[in-house]
Amino acid sequence: PREEKKYVQKQINDLSVKCAEMDQY
C-alpha cells in the first residue's frame, strides 16, 4: 500500500490532477 500510494501520488503531482484526494471517484 505505501508503495502504491507513492506511485499514484507522483502521477497526480507530475500531471497536476485537480482532485480532493486520490480515493475520489
mmCIF file of all heavy atoms, coordinates in Angstrom:
data_MODEL
# 
_entry.id   MODEL 
# 
loop_
_atom_site.group_PDB 
_atom_site.id 
_atom_site.type_symbol 
_atom_site.label_atom_id 
_atom_site.label_alt_id 
_atom_site.label_comp_id 
_atom_site.label_asym_id 
_atom_site.label_entity_id 
_atom_site.label_seq_id 
_atom_site.pdbx_PDB_ins_code 
_atom_site.Cartn_x 
_atom_site.Cartn_y 
_atom_site.Cartn_z 
_atom_site.occupancy 
_atom_site.B_iso_or_equiv 
_atom_site.pdbx_formal_charge 
_atom_site.auth_seq_id 
_atom_site.auth_comp_id 
_atom_site.auth_asym_id 
_atom_site.auth_atom_id 
_atom_site.pdbx_PDB_model_num 
ATOM 1   N N   . PRO A 1 1  ? 0.803   -1.239 0.000   1.00 0.00 ? 1  PRO A N   1 
ATOM 2   C CA  . PRO A 1 1  ? 0.000   0.000  0.000   1.00 0.00 ? 1  PRO A CA  1 
ATOM 3   C C   . PRO A 1 1  ? 0.829   1.279  0.000   1.00 0.00 ? 1  PRO A C   1 
ATOM 4   O O   . PRO A 1 1  ? 0.483   2.241  -0.688  1.00 0.00 ? 1  PRO A O   1 
ATOM 5   C CB  . PRO A 1 1  ? -0.832  -0.123 1.278   1.00 0.00 ? 1  PRO A CB  1 
ATOM 6   C CG  . PRO A 1 1  ? -0.876  -1.589 1.568   1.00 0.00 ? 1  PRO A CG  1 
ATOM 7   C CD  . PRO A 1 1  ? 0.435   -2.125 1.110   1.00 0.00 ? 1  PRO A CD  1 
ATOM 8   N N   . ARG A 1 2  ? 1.910   1.297  0.766   1.00 0.00 ? 2  ARG A N   1 
ATOM 9   C CA  . ARG A 1 2  ? 2.718   2.517  0.844   1.00 0.00 ? 2  ARG A CA  1 
ATOM 10  C C   . ARG A 1 2  ? 3.359   2.827  -0.499  1.00 0.00 ? 2  ARG A C   1 
ATOM 11  O O   . ARG A 1 2  ? 3.390   3.982  -0.947  1.00 0.00 ? 2  ARG A O   1 
ATOM 12  C CB  . ARG A 1 2  ? 3.798   2.366  1.919   1.00 0.00 ? 2  ARG A CB  1 
ATOM 13  C CG  . ARG A 1 2  ? 4.599   3.643  2.149   1.00 0.00 ? 2  ARG A CG  1 
ATOM 14  C CD  . ARG A 1 2  ? 5.662   3.460  3.212   1.00 0.00 ? 2  ARG A CD  1 
ATOM 15  N NE  . ARG A 1 2  ? 5.059   3.218  4.516   1.00 0.00 ? 2  ARG A NE  1 
ATOM 16  C CZ  . ARG A 1 2  ? 5.763   2.981  5.627   1.00 0.00 ? 2  ARG A CZ  1 
ATOM 17  N NH1 . ARG A 1 2  ? 7.080   2.930  5.565   1.00 0.00 ? 2  ARG A NH1 1 
ATOM 18  N NH2 . ARG A 1 2  ? 5.159   2.780  6.779   1.00 0.00 ? 2  ARG A NH2 1 
ATOM 19  N N   . GLU A 1 3  ? 3.860   1.782  -1.168  1.00 0.00 ? 3  GLU A N   1 
ATOM 20  C CA  . GLU A 1 3  ? 4.486   1.979  -2.470  1.00 0.00 ? 3  GLU A CA  1 
ATOM 21  C C   . GLU A 1 3  ? 3.449   2.367  -3.529  1.00 0.00 ? 3  GLU A C   1 
ATOM 22  O O   . GLU A 1 3  ? 3.712   3.195  -4.398  1.00 0.00 ? 3  GLU A O   1 
ATOM 23  C CB  . GLU A 1 3  ? 5.209   0.693  -2.907  1.00 0.00 ? 3  GLU A CB  1 
ATOM 24  C CG  . GLU A 1 3  ? 6.406   0.337  -2.048  1.00 0.00 ? 3  GLU A CG  1 
ATOM 25  C CD  . GLU A 1 3  ? 7.434   1.456  -2.005  1.00 0.00 ? 3  GLU A CD  1 
ATOM 26  O OE1 . GLU A 1 3  ? 7.779   1.979  -3.083  1.00 0.00 ? 3  GLU A OE1 1 
ATOM 27  O OE2 . GLU A 1 3  ? 7.860   1.823  -0.892  1.00 0.00 ? 3  GLU A OE2 1 
ATOM 28  N N   . GLU A 1 4  ? 2.259   1.769  -3.426  1.00 0.00 ? 4  GLU A N   1 
ATOM 29  C CA  . GLU A 1 4  ? 1.179   2.109  -4.356  1.00 0.00 ? 4  GLU A CA  1 
ATOM 30  C C   . GLU A 1 4  ? 0.805   3.587  -4.209  1.00 0.00 ? 4  GLU A C   1 
ATOM 31  O O   . GLU A 1 4  ? 0.664   4.307  -5.196  1.00 0.00 ? 4  GLU A O   1 
ATOM 32  C CB  . GLU A 1 4  ? -0.046  1.239  -4.081  1.00 0.00 ? 4  GLU A CB  1 
ATOM 33  C CG  . GLU A 1 4  ? -1.230  1.559  -4.995  1.00 0.00 ? 4  GLU A CG  1 
ATOM 34  C CD  . GLU A 1 4  ? -2.536  0.965  -4.498  1.00 0.00 ? 4  GLU A CD  1 
ATOM 35  O OE1 . GLU A 1 4  ? -2.773  0.982  -3.279  1.00 0.00 ? 4  GLU A OE1 1 
ATOM 36  O OE2 . GLU A 1 4  ? -3.334  0.525  -5.353  1.00 0.00 ? 4  GLU A OE2 1 
ATOM 37  N N   . LYS A 1 5  ? 0.657   4.030  -2.970  1.00 0.00 ? 5  LYS A N   1 
ATOM 38  C CA  . LYS A 1 5  ? 0.270   5.423  -2.711  1.00 0.00 ? 5  LYS A CA  1 
ATOM 39  C C   . LYS A 1 5  ? 1.311   6.386  -3.252  1.00 0.00 ? 5  LYS A C   1 
ATOM 40  O O   . LYS A 1 5  ? 0.993   7.403  -3.879  1.00 0.00 ? 5  LYS A O   1 
ATOM 41  C CB  . LYS A 1 5  ? 0.074   5.640  -1.212  1.00 0.00 ? 5  LYS A CB  1 
ATOM 42  C CG  . LYS A 1 5  ? -0.468  7.007  -0.865  1.00 0.00 ? 5  LYS A CG  1 
ATOM 43  C CD  . LYS A 1 5  ? -0.771  7.118  0.616   1.00 0.00 ? 5  LYS A CD  1 
ATOM 44  C CE  . LYS A 1 5  ? -1.342  8.508  0.940   1.00 0.00 ? 5  LYS A CE  1 
ATOM 45  N NZ  . LYS A 1 5  ? -1.656  8.645  2.375   1.00 0.00 ? 5  LYS A NZ  1 
ATOM 46  N N   . LYS A 1 6  ? 2.585   6.052  -3.040  1.00 0.00 ? 6  LYS A N   1 
ATOM 47  C CA  . LYS A 1 6  ? 3.688   6.896  -3.516  1.00 0.00 ? 6  LYS A CA  1 
ATOM 48  C C   . LYS A 1 6  ? 3.675   6.964  -5.048  1.00 0.00 ? 6  LYS A C   1 
ATOM 49  O O   . LYS A 1 6  ? 3.861   8.028  -5.644  1.00 0.00 ? 6  LYS A O   1 
ATOM 50  C CB  . LYS A 1 6  ? 5.028   6.314  -3.030  1.00 0.00 ? 6  LYS A CB  1 
ATOM 51  C CG  . LYS A 1 6  ? 6.221   7.244  -3.252  1.00 0.00 ? 6  LYS A CG  1 
ATOM 52  C CD  . LYS A 1 6  ? 7.556   6.523  -2.990  1.00 0.00 ? 6  LYS A CD  1 
ATOM 53  C CE  . LYS A 1 6  ? 7.633   5.983  -1.583  1.00 0.00 ? 6  LYS A CE  1 
ATOM 54  N NZ  . LYS A 1 6  ? 8.952   5.306  -1.344  1.00 0.00 ? 6  LYS A NZ  1 
ATOM 55  N N   . TYR A 1 7  ? 3.442   5.818  -5.684  1.00 0.00 ? 7  TYR A N   1 
ATOM 56  C CA  . TYR A 1 7  ? 3.389   5.716  -7.147  1.00 0.00 ? 7  TYR A CA  1 
ATOM 57  C C   . TYR A 1 7  ? 2.265   6.593  -7.710  1.00 0.00 ? 7  TYR A C   1 
ATOM 58  O O   . TYR A 1 7  ? 2.465   7.381  -8.642  1.00 0.00 ? 7  TYR A O   1 
ATOM 59  C CB  . TYR A 1 7  ? 3.169   4.250  -7.521  1.00 0.00 ? 7  TYR A CB  1 
ATOM 60  C CG  . TYR A 1 7  ? 2.997   3.963  -8.998  1.00 0.00 ? 7  TYR A CG  1 
ATOM 61  C CD1 . TYR A 1 7  ? 4.087   3.650  -9.801  1.00 0.00 ? 7  TYR A CD1 1 
ATOM 62  C CD2 . TYR A 1 7  ? 1.726   3.970  -9.580  1.00 0.00 ? 7  TYR A CD2 1 
ATOM 63  C CE1 . TYR A 1 7  ? 3.921   3.359  -11.156 1.00 0.00 ? 7  TYR A CE1 1 
ATOM 64  C CE2 . TYR A 1 7  ? 1.554   3.695  -10.928 1.00 0.00 ? 7  TYR A CE2 1 
ATOM 65  C CZ  . TYR A 1 7  ? 2.651   3.388  -11.704 1.00 0.00 ? 7  TYR A CZ  1 
ATOM 66  O OH  . TYR A 1 7  ? 2.482   3.111  -13.033 1.00 0.00 ? 7  TYR A OH  1 
ATOM 67  N N   . VAL A 1 8  ? 1.067   6.475  -7.126  1.00 0.00 ? 8  VAL A N   1 
ATOM 68  C CA  . VAL A 1 8  ? -0.099  7.228  -7.611  1.00 0.00 ? 8  VAL A CA  1 
ATOM 69  C C   . VAL A 1 8  ? 0.072   8.714  -7.341  1.00 0.00 ? 8  VAL A C   1 
ATOM 70  O O   . VAL A 1 8  ? -0.212  9.551  -8.207  1.00 0.00 ? 8  VAL A O   1 
ATOM 71  C CB  . VAL A 1 8  ? -1.393  6.698  -6.957  1.00 0.00 ? 8  VAL A CB  1 
ATOM 72  C CG1 . VAL A 1 8  ? -2.582  7.588  -7.311  1.00 0.00 ? 8  VAL A CG1 1 
ATOM 73  C CG2 . VAL A 1 8  ? -1.665  5.257  -7.393  1.00 0.00 ? 8  VAL A CG2 1 
ATOM 74  N N   . GLN A 1 9  ? 0.549   9.059  -6.148  1.00 0.00 ? 9  GLN A N   1 
ATOM 75  C CA  . GLN A 1 9  ? 0.704   10.475 -5.801  1.00 0.00 ? 9  GLN A CA  1 
ATOM 76  C C   . GLN A 1 9  ? 1.683   11.171 -6.720  1.00 0.00 ? 9  GLN A C   1 
ATOM 77  O O   . GLN A 1 9  ? 1.498   12.346 -7.067  1.00 0.00 ? 9  GLN A O   1 
ATOM 78  C CB  . GLN A 1 9  ? 1.169   10.618 -4.340  1.00 0.00 ? 9  GLN A CB  1 
ATOM 79  C CG  . GLN A 1 9  ? 1.072   12.041 -3.803  1.00 0.00 ? 9  GLN A CG  1 
ATOM 80  C CD  . GLN A 1 9  ? -0.354  12.564 -3.787  1.00 0.00 ? 9  GLN A CD  1 
ATOM 81  O OE1 . GLN A 1 9  ? -1.244  11.950 -3.221  1.00 0.00 ? 9  GLN A OE1 1 
ATOM 82  N NE2 . GLN A 1 9  ? -0.583  13.709 -4.433  1.00 0.00 ? 9  GLN A NE2 1 
ATOM 83  N N   . LYS A 1 10 ? 2.714   10.451 -7.153  1.00 0.00 ? 10 LYS A N   1 
ATOM 84  C CA  . LYS A 1 10 ? 3.694   11.049 -8.080  1.00 0.00 ? 10 LYS A CA  1 
ATOM 85  C C   . LYS A 1 10 ? 3.018   11.436 -9.392  1.00 0.00 ? 10 LYS A C   1 
ATOM 86  O O   . LYS A 1 10 ? 3.265   12.528 -9.932  1.00 0.00 ? 10 LYS A O   1 
ATOM 87  C CB  . LYS A 1 10 ? 4.841   10.082 -8.360  1.00 0.00 ? 10 LYS A CB  1 
ATOM 88  C CG  . LYS A 1 10 ? 5.940   10.683 -9.238  1.00 0.00 ? 10 LYS A CG  1 
ATOM 89  C CD  . LYS A 1 10 ? 7.090   9.707  -9.431  1.00 0.00 ? 10 LYS A CD  1 
ATOM 90  C CE  . LYS A 1 10 ? 8.272   10.378 -10.126 1.00 0.00 ? 10 LYS A CE  1 
ATOM 91  N NZ  . LYS A 1 10 ? 7.939   11.061 -11.378 1.00 0.00 ? 10 LYS A NZ  1 
ATOM 92  N N   . GLN A 1 11 ? 2.139   10.587 -9.906  1.00 0.00 ? 11 GLN A N   1 
ATOM 93  C CA  . GLN A 1 11 ? 1.449   10.908 -11.155 1.00 0.00 ? 11 GLN A CA  1 
ATOM 94  C C   . GLN A 1 11 ? 0.472   12.071 -10.969 1.00 0.00 ? 11 GLN A C   1 
ATOM 95  O O   . GLN A 1 11 ? 0.361   12.945 -11.836 1.00 0.00 ? 11 GLN A O   1 
ATOM 96  C CB  . GLN A 1 11 ? 0.692   9.677  -11.681 1.00 0.00 ? 11 GLN A CB  1 
ATOM 97  C CG  . GLN A 1 11 ? 1.569   8.468  -11.967 1.00 0.00 ? 11 GLN A CG  1 
ATOM 98  C CD  . GLN A 1 11 ? 2.835   8.825  -12.712 1.00 0.00 ? 11 GLN A CD  1 
ATOM 99  O OE1 . GLN A 1 11 ? 2.805   9.512  -13.723 1.00 0.00 ? 11 GLN A OE1 1 
ATOM 100 N NE2 . GLN A 1 11 ? 3.976   8.366  -12.200 1.00 0.00 ? 11 GLN A NE2 1 
ATOM 101 N N   . ILE A 1 12 ? -0.220  12.106 -9.842  1.00 0.00 ? 12 ILE A N   1 
ATOM 102 C CA  . ILE A 1 12 ? -1.131  13.210 -9.546  1.00 0.00 ? 12 ILE A CA  1 
ATOM 103 C C   . ILE A 1 12 ? -0.367  14.526 -9.494  1.00 0.00 ? 12 ILE A C   1 
ATOM 104 O O   . ILE A 1 12 ? -0.793  15.537 -10.056 1.00 0.00 ? 12 ILE A O   1 
ATOM 105 C CB  . ILE A 1 12 ? -1.894  12.952 -8.226  1.00 0.00 ? 12 ILE A CB  1 
ATOM 106 C CG1 . ILE A 1 12 ? -2.891  11.802 -8.403  1.00 0.00 ? 12 ILE A CG1 1 
ATOM 107 C CG2 . ILE A 1 12 ? -2.618  14.215 -7.752  1.00 0.00 ? 12 ILE A CG2 1 
ATOM 108 C CD1 . ILE A 1 12 ? -3.563  11.353 -7.119  1.00 0.00 ? 12 ILE A CD1 1 
ATOM 109 N N   . ASN A 1 13 ? 0.794   14.499 -8.837  1.00 0.00 ? 13 ASN A N   1 
ATOM 110 C CA  . ASN A 1 13 ? 1.613   15.715 -8.716  1.00 0.00 ? 13 ASN A CA  1 
ATOM 111 C C   . ASN A 1 13 ? 2.223   16.120 -10.050 1.00 0.00 ? 13 ASN A C   1 
ATOM 112 O O   . ASN A 1 13 ? 2.167   17.294 -10.448 1.00 0.00 ? 13 ASN A O   1 
ATOM 113 C CB  . ASN A 1 13 ? 2.728   15.512 -7.683  1.00 0.00 ? 13 ASN A CB  1 
ATOM 114 C CG  . ASN A 1 13 ? 2.191   15.340 -6.270  1.00 0.00 ? 13 ASN A CG  1 
ATOM 115 O OD1 . ASN A 1 13 ? 1.042   15.667 -5.993  1.00 0.00 ? 13 ASN A OD1 1 
ATOM 116 N ND2 . ASN A 1 13 ? 3.003   14.815 -5.380  1.00 0.00 ? 13 ASN A ND2 1 
ATOM 117 N N   . ASP A 1 14 ? 2.813   15.142 -10.752 1.00 0.00 ? 14 ASP A N   1 
ATOM 118 C CA  . ASP A 1 14 ? 3.517   15.442 -12.006 1.00 0.00 ? 14 ASP A CA  1 
ATOM 119 C C   . ASP A 1 14 ? 2.561   15.974 -13.075 1.00 0.00 ? 14 ASP A C   1 
ATOM 120 O O   . ASP A 1 14 ? 2.950   16.826 -13.886 1.00 0.00 ? 14 ASP A O   1 
ATOM 121 C CB  . ASP A 1 14 ? 4.233   14.195 -12.541 1.00 0.00 ? 14 ASP A CB  1 
ATOM 122 C CG  . ASP A 1 14 ? 5.459   13.820 -11.713 1.00 0.00 ? 14 ASP A CG  1 
ATOM 123 O OD1 . ASP A 1 14 ? 5.816   14.598 -10.800 1.00 0.00 ? 14 ASP A OD1 1 
ATOM 124 O OD2 . ASP A 1 14 ? 6.039   12.752 -11.968 1.00 0.00 ? 14 ASP A OD2 1 
ATOM 125 N N   . LEU A 1 15 ? 1.333   15.475 -13.087 1.00 0.00 ? 15 LEU A N   1 
ATOM 126 C CA  . LEU A 1 15 ? 0.374   15.866 -14.119 1.00 0.00 ? 15 LEU A CA  1 
ATOM 127 C C   . LEU A 1 15 ? -0.620  16.914 -13.621 1.00 0.00 ? 15 LEU A C   1 
ATOM 128 O O   . LEU A 1 15 ? -1.523  17.316 -14.354 1.00 0.00 ? 15 LEU A O   1 
ATOM 129 C CB  . LEU A 1 15 ? -0.380  14.635 -14.628 1.00 0.00 ? 15 LEU A CB  1 
ATOM 130 C CG  . LEU A 1 15 ? 0.496   13.630 -15.391 1.00 0.00 ? 15 LEU A CG  1 
ATOM 131 C CD1 . LEU A 1 15 ? -0.244  12.309 -15.569 1.00 0.00 ? 15 LEU A CD1 1 
ATOM 132 C CD2 . LEU A 1 15 ? 0.920   14.172 -16.743 1.00 0.00 ? 15 LEU A CD2 1 
ATOM 133 N N   . SER A 1 16 ? -0.449  17.355 -12.370 1.00 0.00 ? 16 SER A N   1 
ATOM 134 C CA  . SER A 1 16 ? -1.311  18.396 -11.778 1.00 0.00 ? 16 SER A CA  1 
ATOM 135 C C   . SER A 1 16 ? -2.791  18.027 -11.895 1.00 0.00 ? 16 SER A C   1 
ATOM 136 O O   . SER A 1 16 ? -3.618  18.811 -12.369 1.00 0.00 ? 16 SER A O   1 
ATOM 137 C CB  . SER A 1 16 ? -1.060  19.753 -12.448 1.00 0.00 ? 16 SER A CB  1 
ATOM 138 O OG  . SER A 1 16 ? 0.284   20.138 -12.312 1.00 0.00 ? 16 SER A OG  1 
ATOM 139 N N   . VAL A 1 17 ? -3.140  16.810 -11.467 1.00 0.00 ? 17 VAL A N   1 
ATOM 140 C CA  . VAL A 1 17 ? -4.535  16.373 -11.461 1.00 0.00 ? 17 VAL A CA  1 
ATOM 141 C C   . VAL A 1 17 ? -5.268  17.111 -10.338 1.00 0.00 ? 17 VAL A C   1 
ATOM 142 O O   . VAL A 1 17 ? -4.887  17.018 -9.172  1.00 0.00 ? 17 VAL A O   1 
ATOM 143 C CB  . VAL A 1 17 ? -4.653  14.845 -11.248 1.00 0.00 ? 17 VAL A CB  1 
ATOM 144 C CG1 . VAL A 1 17 ? -6.120  14.417 -11.231 1.00 0.00 ? 17 VAL A CG1 1 
ATOM 145 C CG2 . VAL A 1 17 ? -3.880  14.085 -12.322 1.00 0.00 ? 17 VAL A CG2 1 
ATOM 146 N N   . LYS A 1 18 ? -6.305  17.856 -10.708 1.00 0.00 ? 18 LYS A N   1 
ATOM 147 C CA  . LYS A 1 18 ? -7.092  18.587 -9.705  1.00 0.00 ? 18 LYS A CA  1 
ATOM 148 C C   . LYS A 1 18 ? -8.109  17.639 -9.081  1.00 0.00 ? 18 LYS A C   1 
ATOM 149 O O   . LYS A 1 18 ? -9.045  17.205 -9.733  1.00 0.00 ? 18 LYS A O   1 
ATOM 150 C CB  . LYS A 1 18 ? -7.823  19.765 -10.350 1.00 0.00 ? 18 LYS A CB  1 
ATOM 151 C CG  . LYS A 1 18 ? -6.916  20.904 -10.764 1.00 0.00 ? 18 LYS A CG  1 
ATOM 152 C CD  . LYS A 1 18 ? -7.734  22.055 -11.339 1.00 0.00 ? 18 LYS A CD  1 
ATOM 153 C CE  . LYS A 1 18 ? -6.841  23.185 -11.818 1.00 0.00 ? 18 LYS A CE  1 
ATOM 154 N NZ  . LYS A 1 18 ? -7.620  24.276 -12.447 1.00 0.00 ? 18 LYS A NZ  1 
ATOM 155 N N   . CYS A 1 19 ? -7.900  17.315 -7.807  1.00 0.00 ? 19 CYS A N   1 
ATOM 156 C CA  . CYS A 1 19 ? -8.803  16.391 -7.125  1.00 0.00 ? 19 CYS A CA  1 
ATOM 157 C C   . CYS A 1 19 ? -8.755  16.656 -5.625  1.00 0.00 ? 19 CYS A C   1 
ATOM 158 O O   . CYS A 1 19 ? -7.806  17.266 -5.116  1.00 0.00 ? 19 CYS A O   1 
ATOM 159 C CB  . CYS A 1 19 ? -8.406  14.939 -7.410  1.00 0.00 ? 19 CYS A CB  1 
ATOM 160 S SG  . CYS A 1 19 ? -6.720  14.513 -6.911  1.00 0.00 ? 19 CYS A SG  1 
ATOM 161 N N   . ALA A 1 20 ? -9.788  16.181 -4.919  1.00 0.00 ? 20 ALA A N   1 
ATOM 162 C CA  . ALA A 1 20 ? -9.817  16.340 -3.466  1.00 0.00 ? 20 ALA A CA  1 
ATOM 163 C C   . ALA A 1 20 ? -8.826  15.384 -2.806  1.00 0.00 ? 20 ALA A C   1 
ATOM 164 O O   . ALA A 1 20 ? -8.128  15.742 -1.856  1.00 0.00 ? 20 ALA A O   1 
ATOM 165 C CB  . ALA A 1 20 ? -11.226 16.081 -2.949  1.00 0.00 ? 20 ALA A CB  1 
ATOM 166 N N   . GLU A 1 21 ? -8.765  14.150 -3.331  1.00 0.00 ? 21 GLU A N   1 
ATOM 167 C CA  . GLU A 1 21 ? -7.858  13.121 -2.826  1.00 0.00 ? 21 GLU A CA  1 
ATOM 168 C C   . GLU A 1 21 ? -7.764  12.008 -3.858  1.00 0.00 ? 21 GLU A C   1 
ATOM 169 O O   . GLU A 1 21 ? -8.593  11.912 -4.761  1.00 0.00 ? 21 GLU A O   1 
ATOM 170 C CB  . GLU A 1 21 ? -8.367  12.568 -1.495  1.00 0.00 ? 21 GLU A CB  1 
ATOM 171 C CG  . GLU A 1 21 ? -9.785  12.006 -1.597  1.00 0.00 ? 21 GLU A CG  1 
ATOM 172 C CD  . GLU A 1 21 ? -10.247 11.356 -0.319  1.00 0.00 ? 21 GLU A CD  1 
ATOM 173 O OE1 . GLU A 1 21 ? -9.433  11.265 0.616   1.00 0.00 ? 21 GLU A OE1 1 
ATOM 174 O OE2 . GLU A 1 21 ? -11.409 10.926 -0.265  1.00 0.00 ? 21 GLU A OE2 1 
ATOM 175 N N   . MET A 1 22 ? -6.774  11.138 -3.697  1.00 0.00 ? 22 MET A N   1 
ATOM 176 C CA  . MET A 1 22 ? -6.590  10.081 -4.689  1.00 0.00 ? 22 MET A CA  1 
ATOM 177 C C   . MET A 1 22 ? -7.694  9.026  -4.641  1.00 0.00 ? 22 MET A C   1 
ATOM 178 O O   . MET A 1 22 ? -7.883  8.279  -5.598  1.00 0.00 ? 22 MET A O   1 
ATOM 179 C CB  . MET A 1 22 ? -5.216  9.418  -4.547  1.00 0.00 ? 22 MET A CB  1 
ATOM 180 C CG  . MET A 1 22 ? -4.992  8.631  -3.277  1.00 0.00 ? 22 MET A CG  1 
ATOM 181 S SD  . MET A 1 22 ? -3.433  7.694  -3.340  1.00 0.00 ? 22 MET A SD  1 
ATOM 182 C CE  . MET A 1 22 ? -2.226  9.002  -3.418  1.00 0.00 ? 22 MET A CE  1 
ATOM 183 N N   . ASP A 1 23 ? -8.449  8.959  -3.536  1.00 0.00 ? 23 ASP A N   1 
ATOM 184 C CA  . ASP A 1 23 ? -9.533  7.985  -3.436  1.00 0.00 ? 23 ASP A CA  1 
ATOM 185 C C   . ASP A 1 23 ? -10.864 8.533  -3.941  1.00 0.00 ? 23 ASP A C   1 
ATOM 186 O O   . ASP A 1 23 ? -11.895 7.861  -3.843  1.00 0.00 ? 23 ASP A O   1 
ATOM 187 C CB  . ASP A 1 23 ? -9.669  7.494  -1.990  1.00 0.00 ? 23 ASP A CB  1 
ATOM 188 C CG  . ASP A 1 23 ? -8.487  6.615  -1.579  1.00 0.00 ? 23 ASP A CG  1 
ATOM 189 O OD1 . ASP A 1 23 ? -8.081  5.766  -2.401  1.00 0.00 ? 23 ASP A OD1 1 
ATOM 190 O OD2 . ASP A 1 23 ? -7.953  6.795  -0.478  1.00 0.00 ? 23 ASP A OD2 1 
ATOM 191 N N   . GLN A 1 24 ? -10.836 9.727  -4.521  1.00 0.00 ? 24 GLN A N   1 
ATOM 192 C CA  . GLN A 1 24 ? -12.026 10.305 -5.143  1.00 0.00 ? 24 GLN A CA  1 
ATOM 193 C C   . GLN A 1 24 ? -12.382 9.523  -6.405  1.00 0.00 ? 24 GLN A C   1 
ATOM 194 O O   . GLN A 1 24 ? -11.506 9.071  -7.142  1.00 0.00 ? 24 GLN A O   1 
ATOM 195 C CB  . GLN A 1 24 ? -11.739 11.769 -5.498  1.00 0.00 ? 24 GLN A CB  1 
ATOM 196 C CG  . GLN A 1 24 ? -12.879 12.510 -6.154  1.00 0.00 ? 24 GLN A CG  1 
ATOM 197 C CD  . GLN A 1 24 ? -12.485 13.954 -6.469  1.00 0.00 ? 24 GLN A CD  1 
ATOM 198 O OE1 . GLN A 1 24 ? -11.448 14.446 -6.033  1.00 0.00 ? 24 GLN A OE1 1 
ATOM 199 N NE2 . GLN A 1 24 ? -13.315 14.635 -7.230  1.00 0.00 ? 24 GLN A NE2 1 
ATOM 200 N N   . TYR A 1 25 ? -13.684 9.346  -6.670  1.00 0.00 ? 25 TYR A N   1 
ATOM 201 C CA  . TYR A 1 25 ? -14.111 8.645  -7.885  1.00 0.00 ? 25 TYR A CA  1 
ATOM 202 C C   . TYR A 1 25 ? -13.718 9.464  -9.115  1.00 0.00 ? 25 TYR A C   1 
ATOM 203 O O   . TYR A 1 25 ? -13.862 10.680 -9.139  1.00 0.00 ? 25 TYR A O   1 
ATOM 204 C CB  . TYR A 1 25 ? -15.618 8.432  -7.892  1.00 0.00 ? 25 TYR A CB  1 
ATOM 205 C CG  . TYR A 1 25 ? -16.091 7.202  -7.150  1.00 0.00 ? 25 TYR A CG  1 
ATOM 206 C CD1 . TYR A 1 25 ? -15.223 6.446  -6.367  1.00 0.00 ? 25 TYR A CD1 1 
ATOM 207 C CD2 . TYR A 1 25 ? -17.416 6.787  -7.226  1.00 0.00 ? 25 TYR A CD2 1 
ATOM 208 C CE1 . TYR A 1 25 ? -15.646 5.334  -5.691  1.00 0.00 ? 25 TYR A CE1 1 
ATOM 209 C CE2 . TYR A 1 25 ? -17.866 5.661  -6.540  1.00 0.00 ? 25 TYR A CE2 1 
ATOM 210 C CZ  . TYR A 1 25 ? -16.977 4.940  -5.776  1.00 0.00 ? 25 TYR A CZ  1 
ATOM 211 O OH  . TYR A 1 25 ? -17.402 3.829  -5.109  1.00 0.00 ? 25 TYR A OH  1 
# 
